[in-house]
């Protein structure tokens, strides 16, 4: 599970979409569309505990996102983000 995904899923369940997206936008993701696309795809496939049980190849195939962009996005999402 990616750092923060469980917390984000919890926020979303409580109606906190705006809070989650503002936190991410203020962070290093900013206008980085591939990372945003992968993030939203992962949210859509997360289970009740915030776990995404998919390979990067499966994410690329389901999202129609090039695999190299998925890999870069996952690396960005896994990295500490002191701005968010």
PDB file of N, CA and C in Angstrom:
ATOM      1  N   UNK A   1       0.851  -1.175   0.000  1.00  0.00           N
ATOM      2  CA  UNK A   1       0.000   0.000   0.000  1.00  0.00           C
ATOM      3  C   UNK A   1       0.895   1.236   0.000  1.00  0.00           C
ATOM      4  N   UNK A   2       0.510   2.226  -0.776  1.00  0.00           N
ATOM      5  CA  UNK A   2       1.288   3.451  -0.835  1.00  0.00           C
ATOM      6  C   UNK A   2       1.076   4.276   0.425  1.00  0.00           C
ATOM      7  N   UNK A   3       2.112   4.987   0.857  1.00  0.00           N
ATOM      8  CA  UNK A   3       1.945   5.857   2.027  1.00  0.00           C
ATOM      9  C   UNK A   3       0.808   6.845   1.775  1.00  0.00           C
ATOM     10  N   UNK A   4      -0.042   6.978   2.739  1.00  0.00           N
ATOM     11  CA  UNK A   4      -1.124   7.942   2.638  1.00  0.00           C
ATOM     12  C   UNK A   4      -2.374   7.441   1.952  1.00  0.00           C
ATOM     13  N   UNK A   5      -2.306   6.296   1.242  1.00  0.00           N
ATOM     14  CA  UNK A   5      -3.483   5.820   0.530  1.00  0.00           C
ATOM     15  C   UNK A   5      -4.594   5.428   1.494  1.00  0.00           C
ATOM     16  N   UNK A   6      -4.262   4.741   2.567  1.00  0.00           N
ATOM     17  CA  UNK A   6      -5.287   4.354   3.536  1.00  0.00           C
ATOM     18  C   UNK A   6      -5.967   5.589   4.113  1.00  0.00           C
ATOM     19  N   UNK A   7      -5.182   6.615   4.461  1.00  0.00           N
ATOM     20  CA  UNK A   7      -5.737   7.854   5.012  1.00  0.00           C
ATOM     21  C   UNK A   7      -6.614   8.543   3.971  1.00  0.00           C
ATOM     22  N   UNK A   8      -6.166   8.575   2.726  1.00  0.00           N
ATOM     23  CA  UNK A   8      -6.937   9.224   1.670  1.00  0.00           C
ATOM     24  C   UNK A   8      -8.256   8.503   1.440  1.00  0.00           C
ATOM     25  N   UNK A   9      -8.229   7.163   1.420  1.00  0.00           N
ATOM     26  CA  UNK A   9      -9.466   6.403   1.239  1.00  0.00           C
ATOM     27  C   UNK A   9     -10.416   6.697   2.373  1.00  0.00           C
ATOM     28  N   UNK A  10      -9.905   6.789   3.588  1.00  0.00           N
ATOM     29  CA  UNK A  10     -10.732   7.121   4.745  1.00  0.00           C
ATOM     30  C   UNK A  10     -11.340   8.509   4.596  1.00  0.00           C
ATOM     31  N   UNK A  11     -10.546   9.490   4.160  1.00  0.00           N
ATOM     32  CA  UNK A  11     -11.055  10.856   3.948  1.00  0.00           C
ATOM     33  C   UNK A  11     -12.155  10.871   2.897  1.00  0.00           C
ATOM     34  N   UNK A  12     -11.953  10.112   1.823  1.00  0.00           N
ATOM     35  CA  UNK A  12     -12.934  10.076   0.743  1.00  0.00           C
ATOM     36  C   UNK A  12     -14.251   9.493   1.257  1.00  0.00           C
ATOM     37  N   UNK A  13     -14.177   8.445   2.060  1.00  0.00           N
ATOM     38  CA  UNK A  13     -15.388   7.826   2.602  1.00  0.00           C
ATOM     39  C   UNK A  13     -16.166   8.807   3.465  1.00  0.00           C
ATOM     40  N   UNK A  14     -15.471   9.716   4.105  1.00  0.00           N
ATOM     41  CA  UNK A  14     -16.142  10.702   4.964  1.00  0.00           C
ATOM     42  C   UNK A  14     -16.555  11.939   4.171  1.00  0.00           C
ATOM     43  N   UNK A  15     -16.514  11.849   2.852  1.00  0.00           N
ATOM     44  CA  UNK A  15     -16.916  12.983   2.032  1.00  0.00           C
ATOM     45  C   UNK A  15     -15.820  14.015   1.871  1.00  0.00           C
ATOM     46  N   UNK A  16     -14.579  13.618   2.033  1.00  0.00           N
ATOM     47  CA  UNK A  16     -13.482  14.565   2.005  1.00  0.00           C
ATOM     48  C   UNK A  16     -12.747  14.651   0.687  1.00  0.00           C
ATOM     49  N   UNK A  17     -13.441  14.483  -0.454  1.00  0.00           N
ATOM     50  CA  UNK A  17     -12.764  14.564  -1.746  1.00  0.00           C
ATOM     51  C   UNK A  17     -11.977  15.851  -1.892  1.00  0.00           C
ATOM     52  N   UNK A  18     -12.588  16.974  -1.567  1.00  0.00           N
ATOM     53  CA  UNK A  18     -11.903  18.260  -1.734  1.00  0.00           C
ATOM     54  C   UNK A  18     -10.645  18.314  -0.873  1.00  0.00           C
ATOM     55  N   UNK A  19     -10.726  17.796   0.341  1.00  0.00           N
ATOM     56  CA  UNK A  19      -9.569  17.795   1.241  1.00  0.00           C
ATOM     57  C   UNK A  19      -8.435  16.959   0.658  1.00  0.00           C
ATOM     58  N   UNK A  20      -8.763  15.781   0.138  1.00  0.00           N
ATOM     59  CA  UNK A  20      -7.742  14.898  -0.438  1.00  0.00           C
ATOM     60  C   UNK A  20      -7.093  15.553  -1.643  1.00  0.00           C
ATOM     61  N   UNK A  21      -7.904  16.058  -2.572  1.00  0.00           N
ATOM     62  CA  UNK A  21      -7.340  16.622  -3.785  1.00  0.00           C
ATOM     63  C   UNK A  21      -6.576  17.910  -3.527  1.00  0.00           C
ATOM     64  N   UNK A  22      -7.018  18.723  -2.602  1.00  0.00           N
ATOM     65  CA  UNK A  22      -6.276  19.951  -2.279  1.00  0.00           C
ATOM     66  C   UNK A  22      -4.906  19.595  -1.708  1.00  0.00           C
ATOM     67  N   UNK A  23      -4.876  18.597  -0.818  1.00  0.00           N
ATOM     68  CA  UNK A  23      -3.622  18.167  -0.220  1.00  0.00           C
ATOM     69  C   UNK A  23      -2.654  17.689  -1.299  1.00  0.00           C
ATOM     70  N   UNK A  24      -3.171  16.940  -2.259  1.00  0.00           N
ATOM     71  CA  UNK A  24      -2.316  16.434  -3.337  1.00  0.00           C
ATOM     72  C   UNK A  24      -1.880  17.550  -4.287  1.00  0.00           C
ATOM     73  N   UNK A  25      -2.800  18.447  -4.617  1.00  0.00           N
ATOM     74  CA  UNK A  25      -2.464  19.538  -5.535  1.00  0.00           C
ATOM     75  C   UNK A  25      -1.391  20.432  -4.934  1.00  0.00           C
ATOM     76  N   UNK A  26      -1.473  20.666  -3.621  1.00  0.00           N
ATOM     77  CA  UNK A  26      -0.491  21.511  -2.948  1.00  0.00           C
ATOM     78  C   UNK A  26       0.866  20.828  -2.835  1.00  0.00           C
ATOM     79  N   UNK A  27       0.896  19.532  -3.011  1.00  0.00           N
ATOM     80  CA  UNK A  27       2.142  18.777  -2.928  1.00  0.00           C
ATOM     81  C   UNK A  27       2.890  18.803  -4.239  1.00  0.00           C
ATOM     82  N   UNK A  28       3.830  17.916  -4.365  1.00  0.00           N
ATOM     83  CA  UNK A  28       4.677  17.905  -5.553  1.00  0.00           C
ATOM     84  C   UNK A  28       3.966  17.353  -6.784  1.00  0.00           C
ATOM     85  N   UNK A  29       2.806  16.718  -6.623  1.00  0.00           N
ATOM     86  CA  UNK A  29       2.083  16.217  -7.800  1.00  0.00           C
ATOM     87  C   UNK A  29       1.601  17.372  -8.657  1.00  0.00           C
ATOM     88  N   UNK A  30       1.119  18.433  -8.008  1.00  0.00           N
ATOM     89  CA  UNK A  30       0.654  19.601  -8.743  1.00  0.00           C
ATOM     90  C   UNK A  30      -0.041  19.238 -10.038  1.00  0.00           C
ATOM     91  N   UNK A  31       0.365  19.841 -11.148  1.00  0.00           N
ATOM     92  CA  UNK A  31      -0.300  19.577 -12.428  1.00  0.00           C
ATOM     93  C   UNK A  31       0.288  18.385 -13.196  1.00  0.00           C
ATOM     94  N   UNK A  32       0.907  17.445 -12.519  1.00  0.00           N
ATOM     95  CA  UNK A  32       1.536  16.283 -13.160  1.00  0.00           C
ATOM     96  C   UNK A  32       0.447  15.269 -13.547  1.00  0.00           C
ATOM     97  N   UNK A  33      -0.089  15.369 -14.765  1.00  0.00           N
ATOM     98  CA  UNK A  33      -1.234  14.555 -15.170  1.00  0.00           C
ATOM     99  C   UNK A  33      -1.014  13.051 -15.090  1.00  0.00           C
ATOM    100  N   UNK A  34       0.163  12.493 -15.441  1.00  0.00           N
ATOM    101  CA  UNK A  34       0.288  11.037 -15.334  1.00  0.00           C
ATOM    102  C   UNK A  34       0.150  10.552 -13.886  1.00  0.00           C
ATOM    103  N   UNK A  35       0.723  11.287 -12.958  1.00  0.00           N
ATOM    104  CA  UNK A  35       0.626  10.878 -11.557  1.00  0.00           C
ATOM    105  C   UNK A  35      -0.811  11.011 -11.073  1.00  0.00           C
ATOM    106  N   UNK A  36      -1.482  12.087 -11.452  1.00  0.00           N
ATOM    107  CA  UNK A  36      -2.897  12.244 -11.095  1.00  0.00           C
ATOM    108  C   UNK A  36      -3.718  11.099 -11.650  1.00  0.00           C
ATOM    109  N   UNK A  37      -3.491  10.736 -12.903  1.00  0.00           N
ATOM    110  CA  UNK A  37      -4.253   9.660 -13.539  1.00  0.00           C
ATOM    111  C   UNK A  37      -4.046   8.334 -12.815  1.00  0.00           C
ATOM    112  N   UNK A  38      -2.815   8.046 -12.464  1.00  0.00           N
ATOM    113  CA  UNK A  38      -2.526   6.800 -11.746  1.00  0.00           C
ATOM    114  C   UNK A  38      -3.137   6.842 -10.350  1.00  0.00           C
ATOM    115  N   UNK A  39      -3.067   7.981  -9.685  1.00  0.00           N
ATOM    116  CA  UNK A  39      -3.650   8.128  -8.345  1.00  0.00           C
ATOM    117  C   UNK A  39      -5.158   7.843  -8.378  1.00  0.00           C
ATOM    118  N   UNK A  40      -5.854   8.459  -9.315  1.00  0.00           N
ATOM    119  CA  UNK A  40      -7.299   8.265  -9.424  1.00  0.00           C
ATOM    120  C   UNK A  40      -7.602   6.804  -9.765  1.00  0.00           C
ATOM    121  N   UNK A  41      -6.829   6.215 -10.651  1.00  0.00           N
ATOM    122  CA  UNK A  41      -7.004   4.814 -11.004  1.00  0.00           C
ATOM    123  C   UNK A  41      -6.817   3.917  -9.780  1.00  0.00           C
ATOM    124  N   UNK A  42      -5.811   4.237  -8.973  1.00  0.00           N
ATOM    125  CA  UNK A  42      -5.569   3.444  -7.764  1.00  0.00           C
ATOM    126  C   UNK A  42      -6.708   3.622  -6.755  1.00  0.00           C
ATOM    127  N   UNK A  43      -7.207   4.828  -6.606  1.00  0.00           N
ATOM    128  CA  UNK A  43      -8.356   5.039  -5.715  1.00  0.00           C
ATOM    129  C   UNK A  43      -9.550   4.210  -6.164  1.00  0.00           C
ATOM    130  N   UNK A  44      -9.765   4.151  -7.470  1.00  0.00           N
ATOM    131  CA  UNK A  44     -10.895   3.396  -8.005  1.00  0.00           C
ATOM    132  C   UNK A  44     -10.758   1.902  -7.757  1.00  0.00           C
ATOM    133  N   UNK A  45      -9.521   1.406  -7.654  1.00  0.00           N
ATOM    134  CA  UNK A  45      -9.294  -0.024  -7.476  1.00  0.00           C
ATOM    135  C   UNK A  45      -8.888  -0.412  -6.047  1.00  0.00           C
ATOM    136  N   UNK A  46      -8.866   0.541  -5.140  1.00  0.00           N
ATOM    137  CA  UNK A  46      -8.496   0.243  -3.749  1.00  0.00           C
ATOM    138  C   UNK A  46      -9.638  -0.491  -3.055  1.00  0.00           C
ATOM    139  N   UNK A  47      -9.267  -1.436  -2.185  1.00  0.00           N
ATOM    140  CA  UNK A  47     -10.295  -2.115  -1.402  1.00  0.00           C
ATOM    141  C   UNK A  47     -10.650  -1.270  -0.184  1.00  0.00           C
ATOM    142  N   UNK A  48     -11.477  -1.794   0.682  1.00  0.00           N
ATOM    143  CA  UNK A  48     -11.969  -1.041   1.838  1.00  0.00           C
ATOM    144  C   UNK A  48     -10.850  -0.606   2.773  1.00  0.00           C
ATOM    145  N   UNK A  49      -9.702  -1.281   2.723  1.00  0.00           N
ATOM    146  CA  UNK A  49      -8.573  -0.932   3.570  1.00  0.00           C
ATOM    147  C   UNK A  49      -7.553  -0.046   2.859  1.00  0.00           C
ATOM    148  N   UNK A  50      -7.855   0.372   1.635  1.00  0.00           N
ATOM    149  CA  UNK A  50      -6.940   1.227   0.894  1.00  0.00           C
ATOM    150  C   UNK A  50      -5.832   0.473   0.198  1.00  0.00           C
ATOM    151  N   UNK A  51      -5.990  -0.833   0.038  1.00  0.00           N
ATOM    152  CA  UNK A  51      -4.959  -1.645  -0.607  1.00  0.00           C
ATOM    153  C   UNK A  51      -5.296  -1.830  -2.083  1.00  0.00           C
ATOM    154  N   UNK A  52      -4.322  -1.580  -2.932  1.00  0.00           N
ATOM    155  CA  UNK A  52      -4.469  -1.787  -4.368  1.00  0.00           C
ATOM    156  C   UNK A  52      -3.646  -3.021  -4.708  1.00  0.00           C
ATOM    157  N   UNK A  53      -4.325  -4.123  -4.967  1.00  0.00           N
ATOM    158  CA  UNK A  53      -3.655  -5.395  -5.241  1.00  0.00           C
ATOM    159  C   UNK A  53      -3.573  -5.602  -6.750  1.00  0.00           C
ATOM    160  N   UNK A  54      -2.747  -4.780  -7.397  1.00  0.00           N
ATOM    161  CA  UNK A  54      -2.562  -4.847  -8.844  1.00  0.00           C
ATOM    162  C   UNK A  54      -1.101  -4.568  -9.173  1.00  0.00           C
ATOM    163  N   UNK A  55      -0.645  -5.158 -10.238  1.00  0.00           N
ATOM    164  CA  UNK A  55       0.704  -4.849 -10.710  1.00  0.00           C
ATOM    165  C   UNK A  55       0.679  -3.531 -11.473  1.00  0.00           C
ATOM    166  N   UNK A  56       1.841  -2.966 -11.681  1.00  0.00           N
ATOM    167  CA  UNK A  56       1.925  -1.741 -12.473  1.00  0.00           C
ATOM    168  C   UNK A  56       1.484  -2.004 -13.910  1.00  0.00           C
ATOM    169  N   UNK A  57       1.753  -3.199 -14.410  1.00  0.00           N
ATOM    170  CA  UNK A  57       1.323  -3.564 -15.761  1.00  0.00           C
ATOM    171  C   UNK A  57      -0.203  -3.587 -15.850  1.00  0.00           C
ATOM    172  N   UNK A  58      -0.853  -4.118 -14.811  1.00  0.00           N
ATOM    173  CA  UNK A  58      -2.319  -4.165 -14.792  1.00  0.00           C
ATOM    174  C   UNK A  58      -2.906  -2.754 -14.709  1.00  0.00           C
ATOM    175  N   UNK A  59      -2.290  -1.891 -13.905  1.00  0.00           N
ATOM    176  CA  UNK A  59      -2.745  -0.502 -13.828  1.00  0.00           C
ATOM    177  C   UNK A  59      -2.637   0.178 -15.190  1.00  0.00           C
ATOM    178  N   UNK A  60      -1.526  -0.046 -15.877  1.00  0.00           N
ATOM    179  CA  UNK A  60      -1.323   0.555 -17.198  1.00  0.00           C
ATOM    180  C   UNK A  60      -2.389   0.074 -18.176  1.00  0.00           C
ATOM    181  N   UNK A  61      -2.666  -1.218 -18.156  1.00  0.00           N
ATOM    182  CA  UNK A  61      -3.645  -1.782 -19.078  1.00  0.00           C
ATOM    183  C   UNK A  61      -5.052  -1.270 -18.775  1.00  0.00           C
ATOM    184  N   UNK A  62      -5.430  -1.256 -17.513  1.00  0.00           N
ATOM    185  CA  UNK A  62      -6.780  -0.804 -17.144  1.00  0.00           C
ATOM    186  C   UNK A  62      -6.973   0.690 -17.354  1.00  0.00           C
ATOM    187  N   UNK A  63      -5.921   1.459 -17.169  1.00  0.00           N
ATOM    188  CA  UNK A  63      -6.053   2.904 -17.295  1.00  0.00           C
ATOM    189  C   UNK A  63      -5.691   3.449 -18.661  1.00  0.00           C
ATOM    190  N   UNK A  64      -5.162   2.600 -19.541  1.00  0.00           N
ATOM    191  CA  UNK A  64      -4.743   3.081 -20.845  1.00  0.00           C
ATOM    192  C   UNK A  64      -3.595   4.075 -20.743  1.00  0.00           C
ATOM    193  N   UNK A  65      -2.761   3.877 -19.722  1.00  0.00           N
ATOM    194  CA  UNK A  65      -1.631   4.769 -19.467  1.00  0.00           C
ATOM    195  C   UNK A  65      -0.356   3.998 -19.810  1.00  0.00           C
ATOM    196  N   UNK A  66       0.572   4.603 -20.547  1.00  0.00           N
ATOM    197  CA  UNK A  66       1.821   3.901 -20.868  1.00  0.00           C
ATOM    198  C   UNK A  66       2.523   3.400 -19.591  1.00  0.00           C
ATOM    199  N   UNK A  67       3.054   2.186 -19.666  1.00  0.00           N
ATOM    200  CA  UNK A  67       3.678   1.558 -18.506  1.00  0.00           C
ATOM    201  C   UNK A  67       4.800   2.405 -17.916  1.00  0.00           C
ATOM    202  N   UNK A  68       5.603   3.043 -18.753  1.00  0.00           N
ATOM    203  CA  UNK A  68       6.692   3.868 -18.213  1.00  0.00           C
ATOM    204  C   UNK A  68       6.138   5.046 -17.408  1.00  0.00           C
ATOM    205  N   UNK A  69       4.989   5.593 -17.814  1.00  0.00           N
ATOM    206  CA  UNK A  69       4.365   6.680 -17.053  1.00  0.00           C
ATOM    207  C   UNK A  69       3.797   6.163 -15.734  1.00  0.00           C
ATOM    208  N   UNK A  70       3.252   4.949 -15.743  1.00  0.00           N
ATOM    209  CA  UNK A  70       2.752   4.349 -14.496  1.00  0.00           C
ATOM    210  C   UNK A  70       3.904   4.147 -13.527  1.00  0.00           C
ATOM    211  N   UNK A  71       5.012   3.633 -14.021  1.00  0.00           N
ATOM    212  CA  UNK A  71       6.182   3.406 -13.147  1.00  0.00           C
ATOM    213  C   UNK A  71       6.686   4.708 -12.532  1.00  0.00           C
ATOM    214  N   UNK A  72       6.783   5.760 -13.342  1.00  0.00           N
ATOM    215  CA  UNK A  72       7.228   7.065 -12.825  1.00  0.00           C
ATOM    216  C   UNK A  72       6.235   7.602 -11.797  1.00  0.00           C
ATOM    217  N   UNK A  73       4.941   7.460 -12.097  1.00  0.00           N
ATOM    218  CA  UNK A  73       3.911   7.973 -11.184  1.00  0.00           C
ATOM    219  C   UNK A  73       3.941   7.230  -9.855  1.00  0.00           C
ATOM    220  N   UNK A  74       4.083   5.918  -9.892  1.00  0.00           N
ATOM    221  CA  UNK A  74       4.134   5.136  -8.648  1.00  0.00           C
ATOM    222  C   UNK A  74       5.360   5.544  -7.840  1.00  0.00           C
ATOM    223  N   UNK A  75       6.478   5.773  -8.508  1.00  0.00           N
ATOM    224  CA  UNK A  75       7.680   6.221  -7.794  1.00  0.00           C
ATOM    225  C   UNK A  75       7.442   7.572  -7.133  1.00  0.00           C
ATOM    226  N   UNK A  76       6.756   8.487  -7.825  1.00  0.00           N
ATOM    227  CA  UNK A  76       6.442   9.796  -7.240  1.00  0.00           C
ATOM    228  C   UNK A  76       5.506   9.646  -6.044  1.00  0.00           C
ATOM    229  N   UNK A  77       4.510   8.772  -6.178  1.00  0.00           N
ATOM    230  CA  UNK A  77       3.547   8.576  -5.099  1.00  0.00           C
ATOM    231  C   UNK A  77       4.161   7.898  -3.876  1.00  0.00           C
ATOM    232  N   UNK A  78       5.160   7.065  -4.099  1.00  0.00           N
ATOM    233  CA  UNK A  78       5.827   6.376  -2.984  1.00  0.00           C
ATOM    234  C   UNK A  78       6.849   7.256  -2.277  1.00  0.00           C
ATOM    235  N   UNK A  79       7.328   8.273  -2.960  1.00  0.00           N
ATOM    236  CA  UNK A  79       8.357   9.139  -2.387  1.00  0.00           C
ATOM    237  C   UNK A  79       7.735  10.066  -1.332  1.00  0.00           C
ATOM    238  N   UNK A  80       8.494  10.400  -0.296  1.00  0.00           N
ATOM    239  CA  UNK A  80       7.993  11.360   0.692  1.00  0.00           C
ATOM    240  C   UNK A  80       7.656  12.689   0.015  1.00  0.00           C
ATOM    241  N   UNK A  81       6.588  13.306   0.444  1.00  0.00           N
ATOM    242  CA  UNK A  81       6.175  14.593  -0.106  1.00  0.00           C
ATOM    243  C   UNK A  81       5.993  15.566   1.051  1.00  0.00           C
ATOM    244  N   UNK A  82       7.004  16.347   1.310  1.00  0.00           N
ATOM    245  CA  UNK A  82       6.973  17.253   2.448  1.00  0.00           C
ATOM    246  C   UNK A  82       6.023  18.425   2.242  1.00  0.00           C
ATOM    247  N   UNK A  83       5.573  18.638   0.992  1.00  0.00           N
ATOM    248  CA  UNK A  83       4.690  19.761   0.708  1.00  0.00           C
ATOM    249  C   UNK A  83       3.211  19.431   0.834  1.00  0.00           C
ATOM    250  N   UNK A  84       2.873  18.158   1.025  1.00  0.00           N
ATOM    251  CA  UNK A  84       1.446  17.821   1.112  1.00  0.00           C
ATOM    252  C   UNK A  84       1.076  17.301   2.481  1.00  0.00           C
TER     253      UNK A  84
END
